[in-house]
Each structure stands twice: as C-alpha cells, then as structure tokens.
Amino acid sequence: GLGPDRERLAAELADFVGLPHRLQFVTEHQGVRYINDSKCTTPEAAMLAIDCFPPHTAHVILGGFDKGADLTELAKHAAARCAGIYTIGATGDTIACEAEKCVRFRGDPCAVHRCVTLELALHHARLEAAQGHTILLSPGCASWDQFTNFEARGQAFCDLAESHPG
C-alpha cells in the first residue's frame, strides 16, 4: 500500500478543485455548489458528468452550437436523473422538447426551462436549487453559437456564479 503517505495524499485530493472547465468546483452559495464543466461538448460527456451527482440533485445547463449530434439520449438521461434542466443556445429547444416528453410520458420529476442564454439559465437554476444541490454547466454541445470557445463559456459561468449569489 501507500503506507504513511496515504493520509497526506487523501488530504491533498480532498482539496483538489479539478482542472479548469472540467467538472471544476467554482463556488458555493447557501449550500448550492456551482460546477463548471464547459469542456463537455458531447452528449456522452454530459451524461457522464450528470452521473457524478446523486439523482435529482443536479440542475444542469445544457445546449449550445448544433454539431448535428443526436441529443435525444442526453435529454432522456438528464430528465431521469436531474432536478432541473436549463437549456441554452441553438440546440436548447431540441433538448428541452425531448426532456419535456420524458417528464410528460414517464413522469420524471424534472423541471425543464428554456433559457436561451447562460445568464438566464443561472437565474432560473438559482431559483430552483435547494441546499445540497449542484448547478452544473455541462452543456454537451460546442459553444460557438454564443461564445468564442468553451473557455469563454466556462469563464462566463464562473463570473456569473461568483458575482451574483441570489
């Protein structure tokens, strides 16, 4: 085993906030954590990110530039696992439409909000998120419809999360 280094390594891992834009812890307000996963530009990556959080505790911001990927499975997965879905960008309506079908026909306990912009998505997520929940930017799409690149999208999320707690 690791012997005497085990506790030191455990302590260092506990302080690790993640790489920028990859499930990066940003801040916490009133028991709600903000996680920036802007690098997540595929539906598969977004589904993996959603699975990092306990069921019905994540408020996920999904959508962006349309690369022609099939977003149906992502919408279904998010509706089944998340407390809320907040869609942005060019693919937002497609994702929201598929997620709303799941809520209607499967009875998934997930609120679906068509937000268009990141700012509006964060505003709605803050209103819905309860203590112990997470607001997760894990868009599953590229950023080019509204941002220069995923870094700019992630930085905008971080700035909004840190500057406007309520």
C-alpha atoms as a PDB file:
ATOM      1  CA  GLY A   1       0.000   0.000   0.000  1.00  0.00           C
ATOM      2  CA  LEU A   2       0.852   3.652   0.269  1.00  0.00           C
ATOM      3  CA  GLY A   3       1.814   3.427   3.943  1.00  0.00           C
ATOM      4  CA  PRO A   4       2.362   6.739   5.755  1.00  0.00           C
ATOM      5  CA  ASP A   5       1.714   8.805   2.612  1.00  0.00           C
ATOM      6  CA  ARG A   6      -1.902   7.633   2.404  1.00  0.00           C
ATOM      7  CA  GLU A   7      -3.310  10.321   4.757  1.00  0.00           C
ATOM      8  CA  ARG A   8      -1.302  13.118   3.138  1.00  0.00           C
ATOM      9  CA  LEU A   9      -2.472  12.038  -0.330  1.00  0.00           C
ATOM     10  CA  ALA A  10      -6.089  11.821   0.869  1.00  0.00           C
ATOM     11  CA  ALA A  11      -5.844  15.349   2.286  1.00  0.00           C
ATOM     12  CA  GLU A  12      -4.395  16.710  -0.967  1.00  0.00           C
ATOM     13  CA  LEU A  13      -7.086  15.009  -3.061  1.00  0.00           C
ATOM     14  CA  ALA A  14      -9.791  16.478  -0.817  1.00  0.00           C
ATOM     15  CA  ASP A  15      -8.506  19.972  -1.708  1.00  0.00           C
ATOM     16  CA  PHE A  16      -8.270  19.312  -5.462  1.00  0.00           C
ATOM     17  CA  VAL A  17     -10.805  21.524  -7.281  1.00  0.00           C
ATOM     18  CA  GLY A  18     -10.374  19.942 -10.714  1.00  0.00           C
ATOM     19  CA  LEU A  19      -8.980  21.300 -13.924  1.00  0.00           C
ATOM     20  CA  PRO A  20     -10.489  24.473 -15.376  1.00  0.00           C
ATOM     21  CA  HIS A  21     -13.709  23.790 -17.324  1.00  0.00           C
ATOM     22  CA  ARG A  22     -13.638  20.041 -16.454  1.00  0.00           C
ATOM     23  CA  LEU A  23     -16.004  19.430 -13.512  1.00  0.00           C
ATOM     24  CA  GLN A  24     -14.311  22.406 -11.834  1.00  0.00           C
ATOM     25  CA  PHE A  25     -15.729  23.467  -8.464  1.00  0.00           C
ATOM     26  CA  VAL A  26     -16.360  27.222  -8.738  1.00  0.00           C
ATOM     27  CA  THR A  27     -18.118  28.332  -5.556  1.00  0.00           C
ATOM     28  CA  GLU A  28     -20.888  27.543  -3.104  1.00  0.00           C
ATOM     29  CA  HIS A  29     -23.781  29.833  -2.122  1.00  0.00           C
ATOM     30  CA  GLN A  30     -26.351  28.893   0.522  1.00  0.00           C
ATOM     31  CA  GLY A  31     -25.478  25.215   0.300  1.00  0.00           C
ATOM     32  CA  VAL A  32     -25.658  25.114  -3.530  1.00  0.00           C
ATOM     33  CA  ARG A  33     -22.452  24.171  -5.358  1.00  0.00           C
ATOM     34  CA  TYR A  34     -21.550  25.568  -8.790  1.00  0.00           C
ATOM     35  CA  ILE A  35     -19.604  23.270 -11.122  1.00  0.00           C
ATOM     36  CA  ASN A  36     -18.078  24.391 -14.442  1.00  0.00           C
ATOM     37  CA  ASP A  37     -17.830  21.555 -16.972  1.00  0.00           C
ATOM     38  CA  SER A  38     -17.780  23.794 -20.065  1.00  0.00           C
ATOM     39  CA  LYS A  39     -15.255  21.490 -21.796  1.00  0.00           C
ATOM     40  CA  CYS A  40     -18.090  18.974 -22.012  1.00  0.00           C
ATOM     41  CA  THR A  41     -19.000  19.317 -25.698  1.00  0.00           C
ATOM     42  CA  THR A  42     -20.509  15.878 -26.452  1.00  0.00           C
ATOM     43  CA  PRO A  43     -23.762  14.309 -25.237  1.00  0.00           C
ATOM     44  CA  GLU A  44     -21.830  11.317 -23.880  1.00  0.00           C
ATOM     45  CA  ALA A  45     -19.586  13.526 -21.732  1.00  0.00           C
ATOM     46  CA  ALA A  46     -22.620  15.373 -20.351  1.00  0.00           C
ATOM     47  CA  MET A  47     -24.303  12.091 -19.366  1.00  0.00           C
ATOM     48  CA  LEU A  48     -21.145  11.005 -17.534  1.00  0.00           C
ATOM     49  CA  ALA A  49     -20.990  14.344 -15.720  1.00  0.00           C
ATOM     50  CA  ILE A  50     -24.647  14.096 -14.654  1.00  0.00           C
ATOM     51  CA  ASP A  51     -23.913  10.656 -13.195  1.00  0.00           C
ATOM     52  CA  CYS A  52     -21.322  12.213 -10.844  1.00  0.00           C
ATOM     53  CA  PHE A  53     -24.130  13.638  -8.704  1.00  0.00           C
ATOM     54  CA  PRO A  54     -26.850  11.924  -6.646  1.00  0.00           C
ATOM     55  CA  PRO A  55     -30.177  11.551  -8.509  1.00  0.00           C
ATOM     56  CA  HIS A  56     -32.393  14.660  -8.569  1.00  0.00           C
ATOM     57  CA  THR A  57     -29.779  16.981  -7.027  1.00  0.00           C
ATOM     58  CA  ALA A  58     -28.184  18.401 -10.194  1.00  0.00           C
ATOM     59  CA  HIS A  59     -29.543  21.406 -12.058  1.00  0.00           C
ATOM     60  CA  VAL A  60     -27.847  21.013 -15.429  1.00  0.00           C
ATOM     61  CA  ILE A  61     -27.334  23.684 -18.073  1.00  0.00           C
ATOM     62  CA  LEU A  62     -27.445  22.002 -21.489  1.00  0.00           C
ATOM     63  CA  GLY A  63     -27.156  23.205 -25.070  1.00  0.00           C
ATOM     64  CA  GLY A  64     -25.080  25.255 -27.446  1.00  0.00           C
ATOM     65  CA  PHE A  65     -23.904  25.076 -31.023  1.00  0.00           C
ATOM     66  CA  ASP A  66     -25.512  22.365 -33.141  1.00  0.00           C
ATOM     67  CA  LYS A  67     -22.853  19.945 -34.429  1.00  0.00           C
ATOM     68  CA  GLY A  68     -25.553  17.577 -35.667  1.00  0.00           C
ATOM     69  CA  ALA A  69     -25.194  15.162 -32.738  1.00  0.00           C
ATOM     70  CA  ASP A  70     -28.245  13.210 -31.609  1.00  0.00           C
ATOM     71  CA  LEU A  71     -29.260  14.861 -28.337  1.00  0.00           C
ATOM     72  CA  THR A  72     -32.227  12.565 -27.592  1.00  0.00           C
ATOM     73  CA  GLU A  73     -30.419  10.222 -25.193  1.00  0.00           C
ATOM     74  CA  LEU A  74     -28.860  13.160 -23.346  1.00  0.00           C
ATOM     75  CA  ALA A  75     -32.288  14.777 -22.884  1.00  0.00           C
ATOM     76  CA  LYS A  76     -33.798  11.483 -21.665  1.00  0.00           C
ATOM     77  CA  HIS A  77     -30.898  10.836 -19.293  1.00  0.00           C
ATOM     78  CA  ALA A  78     -30.999  14.361 -17.855  1.00  0.00           C
ATOM     79  CA  ALA A  79     -34.783  14.220 -17.372  1.00  0.00           C
ATOM     80  CA  ALA A  80     -34.467  10.935 -15.471  1.00  0.00           C
ATOM     81  CA  ARG A  81     -31.519  11.969 -13.275  1.00  0.00           C
ATOM     82  CA  CYS A  82     -31.629  15.745 -12.758  1.00  0.00           C
ATOM     83  CA  ALA A  83     -33.726  18.055 -10.608  1.00  0.00           C
ATOM     84  CA  GLY A  84     -33.770  20.635 -13.382  1.00  0.00           C
ATOM     85  CA  ILE A  85     -32.710  21.183 -16.987  1.00  0.00           C
ATOM     86  CA  TYR A  86     -31.948  24.686 -18.249  1.00  0.00           C
ATOM     87  CA  THR A  87     -31.364  24.869 -21.991  1.00  0.00           C
ATOM     88  CA  ILE A  88     -29.282  27.449 -23.852  1.00  0.00           C
ATOM     89  CA  GLY A  89     -28.118  28.122 -27.383  1.00  0.00           C
ATOM     90  CA  ALA A  90     -29.047  26.742 -30.772  1.00  0.00           C
ATOM     91  CA  THR A  91     -29.751  23.207 -29.510  1.00  0.00           C
ATOM     92  CA  GLY A  92     -31.720  24.334 -26.467  1.00  0.00           C
ATOM     93  CA  ASP A  93     -35.194  23.838 -27.931  1.00  0.00           C
ATOM     94  CA  THR A  94     -34.354  20.361 -29.231  1.00  0.00           C
ATOM     95  CA  ILE A  95     -33.099  19.244 -25.818  1.00  0.00           C
ATOM     96  CA  ALA A  96     -35.999  20.880 -23.965  1.00  0.00           C
ATOM     97  CA  CYS A  97     -38.557  19.284 -26.288  1.00  0.00           C
ATOM     98  CA  GLU A  98     -37.144  15.773 -25.748  1.00  0.00           C
ATOM     99  CA  ALA A  99     -36.819  16.297 -21.978  1.00  0.00           C
ATOM    100  CA  GLU A 100     -40.408  17.590 -21.742  1.00  0.00           C
ATOM    101  CA  LYS A 101     -41.639  14.405 -23.431  1.00  0.00           C
ATOM    102  CA  CYS A 102     -39.939  12.358 -20.691  1.00  0.00           C
ATOM    103  CA  VAL A 103     -41.472  14.489 -17.966  1.00  0.00           C
ATOM    104  CA  ARG A 104     -44.911  14.128 -19.583  1.00  0.00           C
ATOM    105  CA  PHE A 105     -44.833  10.451 -20.505  1.00  0.00           C
ATOM    106  CA  ARG A 106     -42.502   8.923 -17.897  1.00  0.00           C
ATOM    107  CA  GLY A 107     -43.393  11.309 -15.092  1.00  0.00           C
ATOM    108  CA  ASP A 108     -39.772  12.292 -14.449  1.00  0.00           C
ATOM    109  CA  PRO A 109     -39.632  14.799 -11.550  1.00  0.00           C
ATOM    110  CA  CYS A 110     -37.509  17.264 -13.507  1.00  0.00           C
ATOM    111  CA  ALA A 111     -38.243  20.923 -14.226  1.00  0.00           C
ATOM    112  CA  VAL A 112     -37.409  21.950 -17.809  1.00  0.00           C
ATOM    113  CA  HIS A 113     -36.638  25.599 -18.543  1.00  0.00           C
ATOM    114  CA  ARG A 114     -35.913  27.058 -21.989  1.00  0.00           C
ATOM    115  CA  CYS A 115     -33.465  29.818 -21.131  1.00  0.00           C
ATOM    116  CA  VAL A 116     -31.588  30.700 -24.365  1.00  0.00           C
ATOM    117  CA  THR A 117     -28.738  32.482 -22.509  1.00  0.00           C
ATOM    118  CA  LEU A 118     -26.345  31.304 -19.823  1.00  0.00           C
ATOM    119  CA  GLU A 119     -27.298  34.266 -17.637  1.00  0.00           C
ATOM    120  CA  LEU A 120     -30.993  33.352 -17.715  1.00  0.00           C
ATOM    121  CA  ALA A 121     -30.188  29.674 -17.138  1.00  0.00           C
ATOM    122  CA  LEU A 122     -28.252  30.526 -13.975  1.00  0.00           C
ATOM    123  CA  HIS A 123     -31.039  32.835 -12.808  1.00  0.00           C
ATOM    124  CA  HIS A 124     -33.660  30.061 -13.106  1.00  0.00           C
ATOM    125  CA  ALA A 125     -31.366  27.384 -11.657  1.00  0.00           C
ATOM    126  CA  ARG A 126     -30.739  29.545  -8.583  1.00  0.00           C
ATOM    127  CA  LEU A 127     -34.488  29.871  -8.014  1.00  0.00           C
ATOM    128  CA  GLU A 128     -34.983  26.090  -8.202  1.00  0.00           C
ATOM    129  CA  ALA A 129     -31.864  24.737  -6.484  1.00  0.00           C
ATOM    130  CA  ALA A 130     -32.180  23.656  -2.859  1.00  0.00           C
ATOM    131  CA  GLN A 131     -29.482  23.283  -0.216  1.00  0.00           C
ATOM    132  CA  GLY A 132     -27.289  20.298  -1.074  1.00  0.00           C
ATOM    133  CA  HIS A 133     -27.967  20.668  -4.813  1.00  0.00           C
ATOM    134  CA  THR A 134     -25.493  21.441  -7.584  1.00  0.00           C
ATOM    135  CA  ILE A 135     -25.779  23.835 -10.522  1.00  0.00           C
ATOM    136  CA  LEU A 136     -23.809  22.160 -13.280  1.00  0.00           C
ATOM    137  CA  LEU A 137     -22.717  23.689 -16.571  1.00  0.00           C
ATOM    138  CA  SER A 138     -22.179  20.543 -18.638  1.00  0.00           C
ATOM    139  CA  PRO A 139     -23.636  21.601 -21.974  1.00  0.00           C
ATOM    140  CA  GLY A 140     -22.999  18.519 -24.120  1.00  0.00           C
ATOM    141  CA  CYS A 141     -22.572  20.843 -27.117  1.00  0.00           C
ATOM    142  CA  ALA A 142     -19.982  23.188 -28.573  1.00  0.00           C
ATOM    143  CA  SER A 143     -20.077  26.853 -27.578  1.00  0.00           C
ATOM    144  CA  TRP A 144     -19.619  28.605 -30.919  1.00  0.00           C
ATOM    145  CA  ASP A 145     -23.178  29.901 -31.276  1.00  0.00           C
ATOM    146  CA  GLN A 146     -22.834  32.218 -28.241  1.00  0.00           C
ATOM    147  CA  PHE A 147     -19.153  32.122 -27.204  1.00  0.00           C
ATOM    148  CA  THR A 148     -15.725  32.177 -28.861  1.00  0.00           C
ATOM    149  CA  ASN A 149     -14.826  28.815 -27.288  1.00  0.00           C
ATOM    150  CA  PHE A 150     -15.596  26.574 -24.317  1.00  0.00           C
ATOM    151  CA  GLU A 151     -13.116  28.515 -22.140  1.00  0.00           C
ATOM    152  CA  ALA A 152     -15.055  31.754 -22.689  1.00  0.00           C
ATOM    153  CA  ARG A 153     -18.333  29.959 -21.886  1.00  0.00           C
ATOM    154  CA  GLY A 154     -16.825  28.469 -18.728  1.00  0.00           C
ATOM    155  CA  GLN A 155     -15.383  31.808 -17.630  1.00  0.00           C
ATOM    156  CA  ALA A 156     -18.781  33.471 -18.132  1.00  0.00           C
ATOM    157  CA  PHE A 157     -20.351  30.773 -15.922  1.00  0.00           C
ATOM    158  CA  CYS A 158     -17.689  31.278 -13.239  1.00  0.00           C
ATOM    159  CA  ASP A 159     -18.113  35.062 -13.307  1.00  0.00           C
ATOM    160  CA  LEU A 160     -21.904  34.790 -13.034  1.00  0.00           C
ATOM    161  CA  ALA A 161     -21.714  32.191 -10.259  1.00  0.00           C
ATOM    162  CA  GLU A 162     -19.281  34.249  -8.184  1.00  0.00           C
ATOM    163  CA  SER A 163     -20.735  37.722  -8.770  1.00  0.00           C
ATOM    164  CA  HIS A 164     -24.453  37.150  -8.312  1.00  0.00           C
ATOM    165  CA  PRO A 165     -25.393  34.839  -5.445  1.00  0.00           C
ATOM    166  CA  GLY A 166     -29.137  35.468  -5.492  1.00  0.00           C
END
